PDB file of N, CA and C in Angstrom:
ATOM      1  N   MET A   1       0.847  -1.184   0.006  1.00  0.00           N
ATOM      2  CA  MET A   1       0.003   0.005  -0.004  1.00  0.00           C
ATOM      3  C   MET A   1       0.888   1.236   0.004  1.00  0.00           C
ATOM      4  N   THR A   2       0.499   2.232  -0.772  1.00  0.00           N
ATOM      5  CA  THR A   2       1.272   3.481  -0.847  1.00  0.00           C
ATOM      6  C   THR A   2       0.429   4.651  -0.352  1.00  0.00           C
ATOM      7  N   ASP A   3       1.093   5.630   0.221  1.00  0.00           N
ATOM      8  CA  ASP A   3       0.409   6.810   0.701  1.00  0.00           C
ATOM      9  C   ASP A   3       0.317   7.894  -0.360  1.00  0.00           C
ATOM     10  N   TYR A   4       0.966   7.669  -1.508  1.00  0.00           N
ATOM     11  CA  TYR A   4       1.019   8.692  -2.551  1.00  0.00           C
ATOM     12  C   TYR A   4       0.307   8.206  -3.810  1.00  0.00           C
ATOM     13  N   GLN A   5      -0.443   9.098  -4.401  1.00  0.00           N
ATOM     14  CA  GLN A   5      -1.194   8.785  -5.614  1.00  0.00           C
ATOM     15  C   GLN A   5      -0.750   9.763  -6.711  1.00  0.00           C
ATOM     16  N   CYS A   6      -0.522   9.268  -7.904  1.00  0.00           N
ATOM     17  CA  CYS A   6      -0.090  10.101  -9.022  1.00  0.00           C
ATOM     18  C   CYS A   6      -1.221  11.037  -9.443  1.00  0.00           C
ATOM     19  N   TRP A   7      -0.912  12.319  -9.544  1.00  0.00           N
ATOM     20  CA  TRP A   7      -1.863  13.353  -9.950  1.00  0.00           C
ATOM     21  C   TRP A   7      -2.390  13.073 -11.351  1.00  0.00           C
ATOM     22  N   PHE A   8      -1.568  12.531 -12.213  1.00  0.00           N
ATOM     23  CA  PHE A   8      -1.939  12.361 -13.618  1.00  0.00           C
ATOM     24  C   PHE A   8      -2.697  11.079 -13.911  1.00  0.00           C
ATOM     25  N   CYS A   9      -2.225   9.929 -13.410  1.00  0.00           N
ATOM     26  CA  CYS A   9      -2.873   8.658 -13.756  1.00  0.00           C
ATOM     27  C   CYS A   9      -3.750   8.102 -12.648  1.00  0.00           C
ATOM     28  N   GLY A  10      -3.583   8.600 -11.412  1.00  0.00           N
ATOM     29  CA  GLY A  10      -4.395   8.139 -10.307  1.00  0.00           C
ATOM     30  C   GLY A  10      -3.918   6.877  -9.626  1.00  0.00           C
ATOM     31  N   GLU A  11      -2.872   6.266 -10.123  1.00  0.00           N
ATOM     32  CA  GLU A  11      -2.338   5.049  -9.518  1.00  0.00           C
ATOM     33  C   GLU A  11      -1.417   5.394  -8.368  1.00  0.00           C
ATOM     34  N   GLY A  12      -1.223   4.436  -7.468  1.00  0.00           N
ATOM     35  CA  GLY A  12      -0.308   4.614  -6.347  1.00  0.00           C
ATOM     36  C   GLY A  12       1.142   4.704  -6.821  1.00  0.00           C
ATOM     37  N   ILE A  13       1.959   5.390  -6.046  1.00  0.00           N
ATOM     38  CA  ILE A  13       3.375   5.531  -6.356  1.00  0.00           C
ATOM     39  C   ILE A  13       4.177   4.712  -5.341  1.00  0.00           C
ATOM     40  N   ASN A  14       4.902   3.730  -5.846  1.00  0.00           N
ATOM     41  CA  ASN A  14       5.724   2.882  -4.993  1.00  0.00           C
ATOM     42  C   ASN A  14       7.136   3.441  -4.874  1.00  0.00           C
ATOM     43  N   GLN A  15       7.827   3.048  -3.810  1.00  0.00           N
ATOM     44  CA  GLN A  15       9.206   3.501  -3.603  1.00  0.00           C
ATOM     45  C   GLN A  15      10.141   3.024  -4.702  1.00  0.00           C
ATOM     46  N   SER A  16       9.746   1.994  -5.433  1.00  0.00           N
ATOM     47  CA  SER A  16      10.596   1.521  -6.530  1.00  0.00           C
ATOM     48  C   SER A  16      10.692   2.549  -7.667  1.00  0.00           C
ATOM     49  N   ASP A  17       9.775   3.504  -7.721  1.00  0.00           N
ATOM     50  CA  ASP A  17       9.857   4.603  -8.698  1.00  0.00           C
ATOM     51  C   ASP A  17      10.745   5.689  -8.094  1.00  0.00           C
ATOM     52  N   CYS A  18      12.057   5.463  -8.189  1.00  0.00           N
ATOM     53  CA  CYS A  18      13.008   6.366  -7.524  1.00  0.00           C
ATOM     54  C   CYS A  18      13.065   7.745  -8.161  1.00  0.00           C
ATOM     55  N   GLY A  19      12.398   7.932  -9.293  1.00  0.00           N
ATOM     56  CA  GLY A  19      12.363   9.245  -9.941  1.00  0.00           C
ATOM     57  C   GLY A  19      11.039   9.966  -9.766  1.00  0.00           C
ATOM     58  N   ALA A  20      10.148   9.429  -8.912  1.00  0.00           N
ATOM     59  CA  ALA A  20       8.858  10.089  -8.663  1.00  0.00           C
ATOM     60  C   ALA A  20       9.111  11.488  -8.129  1.00  0.00           C
ATOM     61  N   VAL A  21       8.187  12.401  -8.386  1.00  0.00           N
ATOM     62  CA  VAL A  21       8.388  13.805  -8.016  1.00  0.00           C
ATOM     63  C   VAL A  21       7.210  14.348  -7.215  1.00  0.00           C
ATOM     64  N   ILE A  22       7.504  15.399  -6.472  1.00  0.00           N
ATOM     65  CA  ILE A  22       6.491  16.209  -5.798  1.00  0.00           C
ATOM     66  C   ILE A  22       6.487  17.554  -6.535  1.00  0.00           C
ATOM     67  N   ILE A  23       5.306  18.057  -6.808  1.00  0.00           N
ATOM     68  CA  ILE A  23       5.149  19.319  -7.537  1.00  0.00           C
ATOM     69  C   ILE A  23       4.371  20.261  -6.618  1.00  0.00           C
ATOM     70  N   THR A  24       4.936  21.410  -6.337  1.00  0.00           N
ATOM     71  CA  THR A  24       4.266  22.380  -5.470  1.00  0.00           C
ATOM     72  C   THR A  24       3.700  23.497  -6.338  1.00  0.00           C
ATOM     73  N   ILE A  25       2.422  23.793  -6.102  1.00  0.00           N
ATOM     74  CA  ILE A  25       1.722  24.840  -6.862  1.00  0.00           C
ATOM     75  C   ILE A  25       1.409  25.973  -5.909  1.00  0.00           C
ATOM     76  N   GLU A  26       1.840  27.177  -6.294  1.00  0.00           N
ATOM     77  CA  GLU A  26       1.534  28.361  -5.516  1.00  0.00           C
ATOM     78  C   GLU A  26       1.467  29.563  -6.451  1.00  0.00           C
ATOM     79  N   ASN A  27       0.978  30.646  -5.952  1.00  0.00           N
ATOM     80  CA  ASN A  27       0.820  31.862  -6.741  1.00  0.00           C
ATOM     81  C   ASN A  27       2.192  32.408  -7.147  1.00  0.00           C
ATOM     82  N   LEU A  28       2.393  32.581  -8.445  1.00  0.00           N
ATOM     83  CA  LEU A  28       3.667  33.067  -8.975  1.00  0.00           C
ATOM     84  C   LEU A  28       4.048  34.422  -8.411  1.00  0.00           C
ATOM     85  N   TRP A  29       3.107  35.345  -8.371  1.00  0.00           N
ATOM     86  CA  TRP A  29       3.437  36.703  -7.965  1.00  0.00           C
ATOM     87  C   TRP A  29       3.696  36.807  -6.463  1.00  0.00           C
ATOM     88  N   ARG A  30       3.032  36.002  -5.686  1.00  0.00           N
ATOM     89  CA  ARG A  30       3.317  35.963  -4.253  1.00  0.00           C
ATOM     90  C   ARG A  30       4.725  35.408  -4.039  1.00  0.00           C
ATOM     91  N   TRP A  31       5.057  34.362  -4.753  1.00  0.00           N
ATOM     92  CA  TRP A  31       6.374  33.751  -4.669  1.00  0.00           C
ATOM     93  C   TRP A  31       7.440  34.736  -5.161  1.00  0.00           C
ATOM     94  N   ASN A  32       7.146  35.442  -6.265  1.00  0.00           N
ATOM     95  CA  ASN A  32       8.091  36.395  -6.843  1.00  0.00           C
ATOM     96  C   ASN A  32       8.434  37.536  -5.884  1.00  0.00           C
ATOM     97  N   LYS A  33       7.480  37.938  -5.083  1.00  0.00           N
ATOM     98  CA  LYS A  33       7.706  39.006  -4.104  1.00  0.00           C
ATOM     99  C   LYS A  33       8.442  38.514  -2.867  1.00  0.00           C
ATOM    100  N   ALA A  34       8.696  37.201  -2.824  1.00  0.00           N
ATOM    101  CA  ALA A  34       9.336  36.597  -1.640  1.00  0.00           C
ATOM    102  C   ALA A  34       8.574  37.002  -0.370  1.00  0.00           C
ATOM    103  N   SER A  35       7.292  36.831  -0.443  1.00  0.00           N
ATOM    104  CA  SER A  35       6.415  37.198   0.654  1.00  0.00           C
ATOM    105  C   SER A  35       6.837  36.547   1.952  1.00  0.00           C
ATOM    106  N   SER A  36       6.669  37.287   3.021  1.00  0.00           N
ATOM    107  CA  SER A  36       6.992  36.746   4.335  1.00  0.00           C
ATOM    108  C   SER A  36       5.805  35.998   4.940  1.00  0.00           C
ATOM    109  N   GLU A  37       4.729  35.875   4.156  1.00  0.00           N
ATOM    110  CA  GLU A  37       3.560  35.140   4.645  1.00  0.00           C
ATOM    111  C   GLU A  37       3.930  33.668   4.812  1.00  0.00           C
ATOM    112  N   THR A  38       3.811  33.162   5.993  1.00  0.00           N
ATOM    113  CA  THR A  38       4.124  31.755   6.210  1.00  0.00           C
ATOM    114  C   THR A  38       2.916  30.877   5.923  1.00  0.00           C
ATOM    115  N   ASP A  39       1.756  31.470   5.845  1.00  0.00           N
ATOM    116  CA  ASP A  39       0.553  30.677   5.586  1.00  0.00           C
ATOM    117  C   ASP A  39       0.007  30.910   4.172  1.00  0.00           C
ATOM    118  N   ALA A  40       0.890  31.313   3.248  1.00  0.00           N
ATOM    119  CA  ALA A  40       0.452  31.501   1.873  1.00  0.00           C
ATOM    120  C   ALA A  40      -0.047  30.173   1.312  1.00  0.00           C
ATOM    121  N   PRO A  41      -1.173  30.197   0.605  1.00  0.00           N
ATOM    122  CA  PRO A  41      -1.721  28.937   0.107  1.00  0.00           C
ATOM    123  C   PRO A  41      -0.823  28.289  -0.941  1.00  0.00           C
ATOM    124  N   ALA A  42      -0.682  27.001  -0.795  1.00  0.00           N
ATOM    125  CA  ALA A  42       0.105  26.190  -1.739  1.00  0.00           C
ATOM    126  C   ALA A  42      -0.437  24.772  -1.664  1.00  0.00           C
ATOM    127  N   GLN A  43      -0.226  24.027  -2.723  1.00  0.00           N
ATOM    128  CA  GLN A  43      -0.652  22.637  -2.744  1.00  0.00           C
ATOM    129  C   GLN A  43       0.431  21.791  -3.398  1.00  0.00           C
ATOM    130  N   ALA A  44       0.668  20.629  -2.839  1.00  0.00           N
ATOM    131  CA  ALA A  44       1.632  19.703  -3.415  1.00  0.00           C
ATOM    132  C   ALA A  44       0.882  18.540  -4.042  1.00  0.00           C
ATOM    133  N   VAL A  45       1.351  18.117  -5.217  1.00  0.00           N
ATOM    134  CA  VAL A  45       0.822  16.929  -5.886  1.00  0.00           C
ATOM    135  C   VAL A  45       2.014  16.021  -6.191  1.00  0.00           C
ATOM    136  N   PHE A  46       1.748  14.768  -6.430  1.00  0.00           N
ATOM    137  CA  PHE A  46       2.800  13.777  -6.626  1.00  0.00           C
ATOM    138  C   PHE A  46       2.614  13.136  -7.997  1.00  0.00           C
ATOM    139  N   ALA A  47       3.727  12.655  -8.573  1.00  0.00           N
ATOM    140  CA  ALA A  47       3.636  12.048  -9.890  1.00  0.00           C
ATOM    141  C   ALA A  47       4.716  10.996 -10.085  1.00  0.00           C
ATOM    142  N   HIS A  48       4.348   9.946 -10.818  1.00  0.00           N
ATOM    143  CA  HIS A  48       5.346   8.979 -11.262  1.00  0.00           C
ATOM    144  C   HIS A  48       6.332   9.702 -12.173  1.00  0.00           C
ATOM    145  N   ARG A  49       7.538   9.202 -12.247  1.00  0.00           N
ATOM    146  CA  ARG A  49       8.557   9.782 -13.126  1.00  0.00           C
ATOM    147  C   ARG A  49       8.039   9.861 -14.562  1.00  0.00           C
ATOM    148  N   GLU A  50       7.535   8.769 -15.091  1.00  0.00           N
ATOM    149  CA  GLU A  50       7.137   8.751 -16.504  1.00  0.00           C
ATOM    150  C   GLU A  50       5.898   9.623 -16.756  1.00  0.00           C
ATOM    151  N   CYS A  51       4.968   9.646 -15.819  1.00  0.00           N
ATOM    152  CA  CYS A  51       3.780  10.503 -15.994  1.00  0.00           C
ATOM    153  C   CYS A  51       4.194  11.964 -16.026  1.00  0.00           C
ATOM    154  N   ALA A  52       5.075  12.362 -15.104  1.00  0.00           N
ATOM    155  CA  ALA A  52       5.516  13.761 -15.051  1.00  0.00           C
ATOM    156  C   ALA A  52       6.264  14.138 -16.316  1.00  0.00           C
ATOM    157  N   LYS A  53       7.150  13.268 -16.759  1.00  0.00           N
ATOM    158  CA  LYS A  53       7.916  13.576 -17.986  1.00  0.00           C
ATOM    159  C   LYS A  53       7.003  13.717 -19.196  1.00  0.00           C
ATOM    160  N   ARG A  54       5.984  12.905 -19.268  1.00  0.00           N
ATOM    161  CA  ARG A  54       5.063  12.928 -20.410  1.00  0.00           C
ATOM    162  C   ARG A  54       4.107  14.122 -20.333  1.00  0.00           C
ATOM    163  N   LYS A  55       3.582  14.404 -19.160  1.00  0.00           N
ATOM    164  CA  LYS A  55       2.539  15.429 -19.015  1.00  0.00           C
ATOM    165  C   LYS A  55       3.082  16.842 -18.828  1.00  0.00           C
ATOM    166  N   LEU A  56       4.275  16.988 -18.342  1.00  0.00           N
ATOM    167  CA  LEU A  56       4.827  18.317 -18.059  1.00  0.00           C
ATOM    168  C   LEU A  56       5.828  18.768 -19.132  1.00  0.00           C
ATOM    169  N   ARG A  57       5.488  18.545 -20.352  1.00  0.00           N
ATOM    170  CA  ARG A  57       6.368  18.939 -21.451  1.00  0.00           C
ATOM    171  C   ARG A  57       6.190  20.432 -21.719  1.00  0.00           C
ATOM    172  N   GLY A  58       7.295  21.109 -21.871  1.00  0.00           N
ATOM    173  CA  GLY A  58       7.278  22.532 -22.158  1.00  0.00           C
ATOM    174  C   GLY A  58       7.616  22.831 -23.599  1.00  0.00           C
ATOM    175  N   GLN A  59       7.488  24.068 -23.965  1.00  0.00           N
ATOM    176  CA  GLN A  59       7.845  24.515 -25.307  1.00  0.00           C
ATOM    177  C   GLN A  59       9.272  25.051 -25.272  1.00  0.00           C
ATOM    178  N   GLY A  60      10.222  24.237 -25.738  1.00  0.00           N
ATOM    179  CA  GLY A  60      11.614  24.661 -25.805  1.00  0.00           C
ATOM    180  C   GLY A  60      12.355  24.568 -24.497  1.00  0.00           C
ATOM    181  N   MET A  61      11.757  23.991 -23.476  1.00  0.00           N
ATOM    182  CA  MET A  61      12.440  23.849 -22.192  1.00  0.00           C
ATOM    183  C   MET A  61      12.521  22.374 -21.854  1.00  0.00           C
ATOM    184  N   GLU A  62      13.645  21.986 -21.278  1.00  0.00           N
ATOM    185  CA  GLU A  62      13.837  20.593 -20.879  1.00  0.00           C
ATOM    186  C   GLU A  62      14.109  20.524 -19.380  1.00  0.00           C
ATOM    187  N   PHE A  63      13.688  19.449 -18.738  1.00  0.00           N
ATOM    188  CA  PHE A  63      14.007  19.224 -17.339  1.00  0.00           C
ATOM    189  C   PHE A  63      15.451  18.772 -17.211  1.00  0.00           C
ATOM    190  N   ASP A  64      16.081  19.132 -16.130  1.00  0.00           N
ATOM    191  CA  ASP A  64      17.381  18.597 -15.784  1.00  0.00           C
ATOM    192  C   ASP A  64      17.148  17.128 -15.433  1.00  0.00           C
ATOM    193  N   PRO A  65      17.889  16.185 -16.057  1.00  0.00           N
ATOM    194  CA  PRO A  65      17.669  14.768 -15.769  1.00  0.00           C
ATOM    195  C   PRO A  65      17.763  14.410 -14.287  1.00  0.00           C
ATOM    196  N   GLY A  66      18.546  15.171 -13.533  1.00  0.00           N
ATOM    197  CA  GLY A  66      18.698  14.904 -12.113  1.00  0.00           C
ATOM    198  C   GLY A  66      17.403  15.035 -11.338  1.00  0.00           C
ATOM    199  N   VAL A  67      16.455  15.838 -11.872  1.00  0.00           N
ATOM    200  CA  VAL A  67      15.166  16.000 -11.203  1.00  0.00           C
ATOM    201  C   VAL A  67      14.456  14.640 -11.079  1.00  0.00           C
ATOM    202  N   PHE A  68      14.636  13.812 -12.091  1.00  0.00           N
ATOM    203  CA  PHE A  68      13.984  12.508 -12.110  1.00  0.00           C
ATOM    204  C   PHE A  68      14.938  11.390 -11.712  1.00  0.00           C
ATOM    205  N   ASN A  69      16.043  11.757 -11.040  1.00  0.00           N
ATOM    206  CA  ASN A  69      17.027  10.782 -10.564  1.00  0.00           C
ATOM    207  C   ASN A  69      17.612   9.998 -11.729  1.00  0.00           C
ATOM    208  N   GLU A  70      17.855  10.691 -12.841  1.00  0.00           N
ATOM    209  CA  GLU A  70      18.418  10.061 -14.029  1.00  0.00           C
ATOM    210  C   GLU A  70      19.784  10.655 -14.325  1.00  0.00           C
ATOM    211  N   ASP A  71      20.643   9.852 -14.900  1.00  0.00           N
ATOM    212  CA  ASP A  71      21.948  10.313 -15.344  1.00  0.00           C
ATOM    213  C   ASP A  71      21.766  11.093 -16.631  1.00  0.00           C
ATOM    214  N   ASP A  72      22.459  12.214 -16.784  1.00  0.00           N
ATOM    215  CA  ASP A  72      22.284  13.037 -17.975  1.00  0.00           C
ATOM    216  C   ASP A  72      23.194  12.653 -19.123  1.00  0.00           C
ATOM    217  N   SER A  73      23.861  11.519 -19.036  1.00  0.00           N
ATOM    218  CA  SER A  73      24.762  11.103 -20.122  1.00  0.00           C
ATOM    219  C   SER A  73      24.042  10.329 -21.189  1.00  0.00           C
TER     220      SER A  73
END
């Protein structure tokens, strides 16, 4: 049994997925101002390595392979 569920596919995330990630969502402008609010709203979601790589594709931007516990060679 796992305590974490993938935001994208809904399946549980096992410890064997050593590249699984946590994604924190918060207001960009509050973060940009480096607000001293300690109770600023934020939410964390979790994802399998492969789900995150597939679903979080950007336009012209690549993730650092280390984010997913992968060698960049």
